[in-house]
Amino acid sequence: MSCFLWKYQLLCTLGFLISYSFLGAQSYKKDSLQIKSYTLIEYRRSEVKSVKLLRVICDYCTDIQKEVIGIEATRRAKSESYEPKNRLKEGDKKLAIYIRIAKKDFAAIKEDE
C-alpha cells in the first residue's frame, strides 16, 4: 500500500513541476512590446484592390519606428487578405493588426545616419 502512495506522490509532484515550467514560459510580456495598427483592405469582385495602412497606435514610437511598424502591418494585412474569414466580394475590410516585438529589436530601429 505504501508503494502505491509513494508512486502517487511522485506522479503528483512531477505533474506540478511540468505545469509550473509551462507557466514560467509565458514571460513574453516582460521583454516585448505589443503595437496595434489598423489597416484597410479594399475588395472589388472578390479580388484585393489595395491594402492601406490607416494608423499605427504607439505613444512612445518615433516617426521612423512607426513607419517600420506600418510596413510590417501592411505586409501582414496582405497575407491576411487571402484568409477565407477576411474575404469579401465587394467592399472594405478593416483589420486590427497586433505586432509583438522584442524591446531590444524595437530599440534597434533607428534612422540611418
N, C-alpha and C. Protein backbone atom coordinates (compact mmCIF):
# COMPACT_ATOMS: atom_id res chain seq x y z
N MET A 1 0.81 -1.19 0.00
CA MET A 1 0.00 0.00 0.00
C MET A 1 0.86 1.26 0.00
N SER A 2 1.95 1.27 0.75
CA SER A 2 2.79 2.45 0.81
C SER A 2 3.51 2.68 -0.52
N CYS A 3 3.76 1.62 -1.27
CA CYS A 3 4.37 1.77 -2.60
C CYS A 3 3.44 2.52 -3.53
N PHE A 4 2.14 2.24 -3.42
CA PHE A 4 1.15 2.95 -4.24
C PHE A 4 1.13 4.43 -3.90
N LEU A 5 1.15 4.77 -2.63
CA LEU A 5 1.14 6.17 -2.20
C LEU A 5 2.40 6.89 -2.63
N TRP A 6 3.54 6.20 -2.56
CA TRP A 6 4.78 6.81 -2.99
C TRP A 6 4.75 7.13 -4.48
N LYS A 7 4.24 6.22 -5.31
CA LYS A 7 4.13 6.44 -6.75
C LYS A 7 3.15 7.58 -7.04
N TYR A 8 2.05 7.63 -6.31
CA TYR A 8 1.05 8.68 -6.49
C TYR A 8 1.65 10.04 -6.13
N GLN A 9 2.40 10.11 -5.05
CA GLN A 9 3.03 11.35 -4.63
C GLN A 9 4.07 11.79 -5.66
N LEU A 10 4.85 10.86 -6.18
CA LEU A 10 5.84 11.18 -7.20
C LEU A 10 5.17 11.68 -8.47
N LEU A 11 4.08 11.05 -8.87
CA LEU A 11 3.36 11.46 -10.06
C LEU A 11 2.77 12.87 -9.89
N CYS A 12 2.20 13.16 -8.75
CA CYS A 12 1.65 14.50 -8.48
C CYS A 12 2.74 15.56 -8.49
N THR A 13 3.88 15.26 -7.89
CA THR A 13 4.99 16.21 -7.87
C THR A 13 5.51 16.47 -9.27
N LEU A 14 5.65 15.42 -10.05
CA LEU A 14 6.11 15.56 -11.43
C LEU A 14 5.14 16.40 -12.25
N GLY A 15 3.85 16.14 -12.09
CA GLY A 15 2.84 16.92 -12.81
C GLY A 15 2.87 18.38 -12.42
N PHE A 16 3.06 18.67 -11.14
CA PHE A 16 3.15 20.05 -10.67
C PHE A 16 4.35 20.75 -11.27
N LEU A 17 5.50 20.08 -11.29
CA LEU A 17 6.72 20.69 -11.84
C LEU A 17 6.59 20.97 -13.33
N ILE A 18 5.97 20.07 -14.07
CA ILE A 18 5.79 20.27 -15.51
C ILE A 18 4.85 21.44 -15.77
N SER A 19 3.74 21.50 -15.04
CA SER A 19 2.80 22.60 -15.25
C SER A 19 3.42 23.93 -14.83
N TYR A 20 4.24 23.95 -13.79
CA TYR A 20 4.89 25.17 -13.36
C TYR A 20 5.88 25.66 -14.41
N SER A 21 6.58 24.74 -15.08
CA SER A 21 7.53 25.15 -16.11
C SER A 21 6.83 25.76 -17.30
N PHE A 22 5.63 25.27 -17.63
CA PHE A 22 4.88 25.87 -18.73
C PHE A 22 4.35 27.25 -18.36
N LEU A 23 3.99 27.47 -17.13
CA LEU A 23 3.53 28.79 -16.70
C LEU A 23 4.66 29.80 -16.74
N GLY A 24 5.85 29.39 -16.45
CA GLY A 24 7.00 30.28 -16.49
C GLY A 24 7.39 30.66 -17.90
N ALA A 25 6.99 29.89 -18.88
CA ALA A 25 7.35 30.18 -20.27
C ALA A 25 6.54 31.34 -20.85
N GLN A 26 5.53 31.80 -20.16
CA GLN A 26 4.68 32.88 -20.68
C GLN A 26 5.18 34.26 -20.28
N SER A 27 6.46 34.46 -20.19
CA SER A 27 7.01 35.72 -19.74
C SER A 27 7.34 36.67 -20.89
N TYR A 28 6.68 36.51 -22.03
CA TYR A 28 6.97 37.38 -23.17
C TYR A 28 6.57 38.82 -22.89
N LYS A 29 5.66 39.07 -21.96
CA LYS A 29 5.23 40.44 -21.67
C LYS A 29 6.35 41.26 -21.05
N LYS A 30 7.28 40.61 -20.38
CA LYS A 30 8.35 41.33 -19.70
C LYS A 30 9.37 41.90 -20.69
N ASP A 31 9.63 41.19 -21.76
CA ASP A 31 10.70 41.61 -22.65
C ASP A 31 10.24 41.94 -24.06
N SER A 32 8.93 42.20 -24.26
CA SER A 32 8.46 42.55 -25.59
C SER A 32 7.37 43.61 -25.51
N LEU A 33 7.11 44.22 -26.65
CA LEU A 33 6.09 45.25 -26.77
C LEU A 33 5.03 44.78 -27.76
N GLN A 34 3.82 45.19 -27.55
CA GLN A 34 2.74 44.89 -28.48
C GLN A 34 2.21 46.21 -29.03
N ILE A 35 2.25 46.35 -30.34
CA ILE A 35 1.84 47.58 -31.00
C ILE A 35 0.67 47.26 -31.91
N LYS A 36 -0.36 48.10 -31.86
CA LYS A 36 -1.57 47.89 -32.62
C LYS A 36 -1.59 48.83 -33.82
N SER A 37 -2.03 48.31 -34.94
CA SER A 37 -2.18 49.13 -36.14
C SER A 37 -3.47 48.74 -36.85
N TYR A 38 -4.03 49.70 -37.55
CA TYR A 38 -5.27 49.48 -38.29
C TYR A 38 -4.97 49.54 -39.78
N THR A 39 -5.52 48.58 -40.51
CA THR A 39 -5.34 48.53 -41.96
C THR A 39 -6.70 48.41 -42.63
N LEU A 40 -6.74 48.75 -43.90
CA LEU A 40 -7.97 48.68 -44.70
C LEU A 40 -7.67 47.90 -45.97
N ILE A 41 -8.46 46.86 -46.22
CA ILE A 41 -8.32 46.05 -47.44
C ILE A 41 -9.53 46.33 -48.30
N GLU A 42 -9.30 46.76 -49.53
CA GLU A 42 -10.39 47.03 -50.47
C GLU A 42 -10.55 45.83 -51.40
N TYR A 43 -11.77 45.31 -51.46
CA TYR A 43 -12.10 44.19 -52.35
C TYR A 43 -13.02 44.66 -53.46
N ARG A 44 -12.72 44.27 -54.67
CA ARG A 44 -13.57 44.51 -55.82
C ARG A 44 -13.67 43.21 -56.61
N ARG A 45 -14.88 42.70 -56.78
CA ARG A 45 -15.14 41.43 -57.46
C ARG A 45 -14.31 40.30 -56.85
N SER A 46 -14.32 40.23 -55.54
CA SER A 46 -13.63 39.21 -54.76
C SER A 46 -12.11 39.23 -54.90
N GLU A 47 -11.56 40.28 -55.46
CA GLU A 47 -10.12 40.43 -55.61
C GLU A 47 -9.64 41.60 -54.75
N VAL A 48 -8.43 41.49 -54.25
CA VAL A 48 -7.85 42.56 -53.45
C VAL A 48 -7.42 43.69 -54.37
N LYS A 49 -8.04 44.84 -54.18
CA LYS A 49 -7.68 46.02 -54.97
C LYS A 49 -6.49 46.74 -54.35
N SER A 50 -6.56 46.97 -53.03
CA SER A 50 -5.45 47.64 -52.36
C SER A 50 -5.48 47.33 -50.87
N VAL A 51 -4.32 47.51 -50.25
CA VAL A 51 -4.17 47.37 -48.80
C VAL A 51 -3.54 48.67 -48.31
N LYS A 52 -4.22 49.34 -47.40
CA LYS A 52 -3.74 50.63 -46.91
C LYS A 52 -3.55 50.57 -45.39
N LEU A 53 -2.56 51.29 -44.94
CA LEU A 53 -2.35 51.46 -43.52
C LEU A 53 -3.14 52.68 -43.07
N LEU A 54 -4.00 52.50 -42.08
CA LEU A 54 -4.78 53.62 -41.57
C LEU A 54 -4.06 54.34 -40.43
N ARG A 55 -3.57 53.55 -39.47
CA ARG A 55 -2.98 54.19 -38.29
C ARG A 55 -2.15 53.17 -37.50
N VAL A 56 -1.03 53.65 -36.95
CA VAL A 56 -0.23 52.88 -36.02
C VAL A 56 -0.41 53.54 -34.65
N ILE A 57 -0.86 52.76 -33.68
CA ILE A 57 -1.10 53.31 -32.35
C ILE A 57 0.09 52.96 -31.46
N CYS A 58 0.90 53.96 -31.20
CA CYS A 58 2.10 53.79 -30.39
C CYS A 58 2.46 55.16 -29.82
N ASP A 59 2.34 55.30 -28.52
CA ASP A 59 2.60 56.58 -27.88
C ASP A 59 4.09 56.89 -27.73
N TYR A 60 4.91 55.88 -27.70
CA TYR A 60 6.33 56.07 -27.41
C TYR A 60 7.21 55.83 -28.63
N CYS A 61 6.62 55.72 -29.82
CA CYS A 61 7.39 55.45 -31.03
C CYS A 61 7.84 56.74 -31.70
N THR A 62 9.00 56.69 -32.32
CA THR A 62 9.42 57.79 -33.18
C THR A 62 8.76 57.61 -34.54
N ASP A 63 8.89 58.61 -35.39
CA ASP A 63 8.29 58.52 -36.72
C ASP A 63 8.89 57.38 -37.54
N ILE A 64 10.18 57.17 -37.41
CA ILE A 64 10.85 56.08 -38.14
C ILE A 64 10.33 54.73 -37.66
N GLN A 65 10.17 54.57 -36.35
CA GLN A 65 9.67 53.32 -35.80
C GLN A 65 8.23 53.07 -36.25
N LYS A 66 7.41 54.12 -36.29
CA LYS A 66 6.04 53.98 -36.76
C LYS A 66 6.01 53.57 -38.23
N GLU A 67 6.93 54.11 -39.00
CA GLU A 67 6.99 53.77 -40.43
C GLU A 67 7.36 52.29 -40.63
N VAL A 68 8.33 51.82 -39.87
CA VAL A 68 8.75 50.41 -39.98
C VAL A 68 7.64 49.49 -39.51
N ILE A 69 6.99 49.83 -38.41
CA ILE A 69 5.86 49.03 -37.91
C ILE A 69 4.72 49.05 -38.93
N GLY A 70 4.49 50.19 -39.57
CA GLY A 70 3.44 50.30 -40.59
C GLY A 70 3.71 49.42 -41.79
N ILE A 71 4.95 49.34 -42.20
CA ILE A 71 5.32 48.48 -43.33
C ILE A 71 5.05 47.02 -42.98
N GLU A 72 5.42 46.63 -41.77
CA GLU A 72 5.18 45.25 -41.33
C GLU A 72 3.68 44.96 -41.21
N ALA A 73 2.92 45.92 -40.72
CA ALA A 73 1.47 45.74 -40.59
C ALA A 73 0.82 45.60 -41.97
N THR A 74 1.27 46.38 -42.93
CA THR A 74 0.74 46.27 -44.29
C THR A 74 1.07 44.91 -44.90
N ARG A 75 2.28 44.43 -44.66
CA ARG A 75 2.67 43.12 -45.17
C ARG A 75 1.81 42.01 -44.55
N ARG A 76 1.56 42.11 -43.25
CA ARG A 76 0.73 41.10 -42.59
C ARG A 76 -0.72 41.20 -43.05
N ALA A 77 -1.21 42.41 -43.30
CA ALA A 77 -2.58 42.56 -43.79
C ALA A 77 -2.72 41.97 -45.18
N LYS A 78 -1.70 42.09 -46.02
CA LYS A 78 -1.75 41.48 -47.35
C LYS A 78 -1.86 39.97 -47.25
N SER A 79 -1.10 39.37 -46.33
CA SER A 79 -1.20 37.92 -46.19
C SER A 79 -2.54 37.52 -45.56
N GLU A 80 -3.09 38.34 -44.67
CA GLU A 80 -4.40 38.06 -44.07
C GLU A 80 -5.53 38.24 -45.06
N SER A 81 -5.31 38.99 -46.13
CA SER A 81 -6.38 39.25 -47.09
C SER A 81 -6.79 37.99 -47.85
N TYR A 82 -5.96 36.96 -47.85
CA TYR A 82 -6.28 35.72 -48.55
C TYR A 82 -6.98 34.71 -47.66
N GLU A 83 -7.11 35.01 -46.37
CA GLU A 83 -7.83 34.12 -45.46
C GLU A 83 -9.32 34.17 -45.78
N PRO A 84 -9.98 33.02 -45.82
CA PRO A 84 -11.42 33.00 -46.14
C PRO A 84 -12.28 33.82 -45.18
N LYS A 85 -11.90 33.90 -43.92
CA LYS A 85 -12.72 34.66 -42.97
C LYS A 85 -12.63 36.16 -43.21
N ASN A 86 -11.62 36.63 -43.93
CA ASN A 86 -11.45 38.06 -44.19
C ASN A 86 -11.91 38.48 -45.58
N ARG A 87 -12.21 37.54 -46.45
CA ARG A 87 -12.53 37.87 -47.84
C ARG A 87 -13.94 38.43 -47.96
N LEU A 88 -14.09 39.39 -48.85
CA LEU A 88 -15.38 39.97 -49.19
C LEU A 88 -15.53 39.97 -50.70
N LYS A 89 -16.78 39.97 -51.18
CA LYS A 89 -17.00 40.09 -52.63
C LYS A 89 -16.83 41.53 -53.07
N GLU A 90 -17.44 42.43 -52.34
CA GLU A 90 -17.33 43.86 -52.61
C GLU A 90 -17.24 44.59 -51.28
N GLY A 91 -16.41 45.60 -51.22
CA GLY A 91 -16.38 46.42 -50.03
C GLY A 91 -15.00 46.51 -49.40
N ASP A 92 -15.01 47.09 -48.21
CA ASP A 92 -13.77 47.33 -47.48
C ASP A 92 -13.78 46.54 -46.18
N LYS A 93 -12.65 45.96 -45.87
CA LYS A 93 -12.50 45.19 -44.63
C LYS A 93 -11.43 45.88 -43.79
N LYS A 94 -11.80 46.24 -42.56
CA LYS A 94 -10.85 46.84 -41.64
C LYS A 94 -10.28 45.74 -40.75
N LEU A 95 -8.96 45.76 -40.61
CA LEU A 95 -8.28 44.77 -39.78
C LEU A 95 -7.42 45.48 -38.74
N ALA A 96 -7.46 44.97 -37.53
CA ALA A 96 -6.53 45.42 -36.49
C ALA A 96 -5.39 44.40 -36.45
N ILE A 97 -4.20 44.87 -36.65
CA ILE A 97 -3.02 44.01 -36.67
C ILE A 97 -2.21 44.30 -35.41
N TYR A 98 -1.95 43.26 -34.64
CA TYR A 98 -1.12 43.38 -33.45
C TYR A 98 0.27 42.85 -33.76
N ILE A 99 1.27 43.66 -33.50
CA ILE A 99 2.65 43.27 -33.76
C ILE A 99 3.38 43.21 -32.43
N ARG A 100 3.93 42.05 -32.13
CA ARG A 100 4.70 41.87 -30.91
C ARG A 100 6.17 41.86 -31.31
N ILE A 101 6.94 42.72 -30.65
CA ILE A 101 8.36 42.87 -30.99
C ILE A 101 9.16 42.94 -29.70
N ALA A 102 10.33 42.33 -29.71
CA ALA A 102 11.21 42.37 -28.54
C ALA A 102 11.70 43.79 -28.31
N LYS A 103 11.88 44.14 -27.06
CA LYS A 103 12.32 45.50 -26.73
C LYS A 103 13.67 45.82 -27.34
N LYS A 104 14.56 44.82 -27.39
CA LYS A 104 15.89 45.04 -27.99
C LYS A 104 15.77 45.34 -29.48
N ASP A 105 14.92 44.57 -30.17
CA ASP A 105 14.73 44.80 -31.60
C ASP A 105 14.05 46.13 -31.87
N PHE A 106 13.10 46.49 -31.00
CA PHE A 106 12.41 47.76 -31.16
C PHE A 106 13.39 48.93 -30.98
N ALA A 107 14.26 48.83 -30.00
CA ALA A 107 15.24 49.89 -29.76
C ALA A 107 16.26 49.98 -30.90
N ALA A 108 16.46 48.89 -31.63
CA ALA A 108 17.42 48.89 -32.73
C ALA A 108 16.89 49.59 -33.97
N ILE A 109 15.61 49.88 -34.02
CA ILE A 109 15.04 50.59 -35.18
C ILE A 109 15.38 52.06 -35.03
N LYS A 110 16.34 52.51 -35.80
CA LYS A 110 16.79 53.90 -35.73
C LYS A 110 16.98 54.42 -37.14
N GLU A 111 16.99 55.72 -37.23
CA GLU A 111 17.20 56.36 -38.52
C GLU A 111 18.66 56.18 -38.93
N ASP A 112 18.85 55.75 -40.19
CA ASP A 112 20.22 55.61 -40.70
C ASP A 112 20.83 56.99 -40.88
N GLU A 113 22.00 57.12 -40.35
CA GLU A 113 22.65 58.45 -40.40
C GLU A 113 23.77 58.48 -41.41
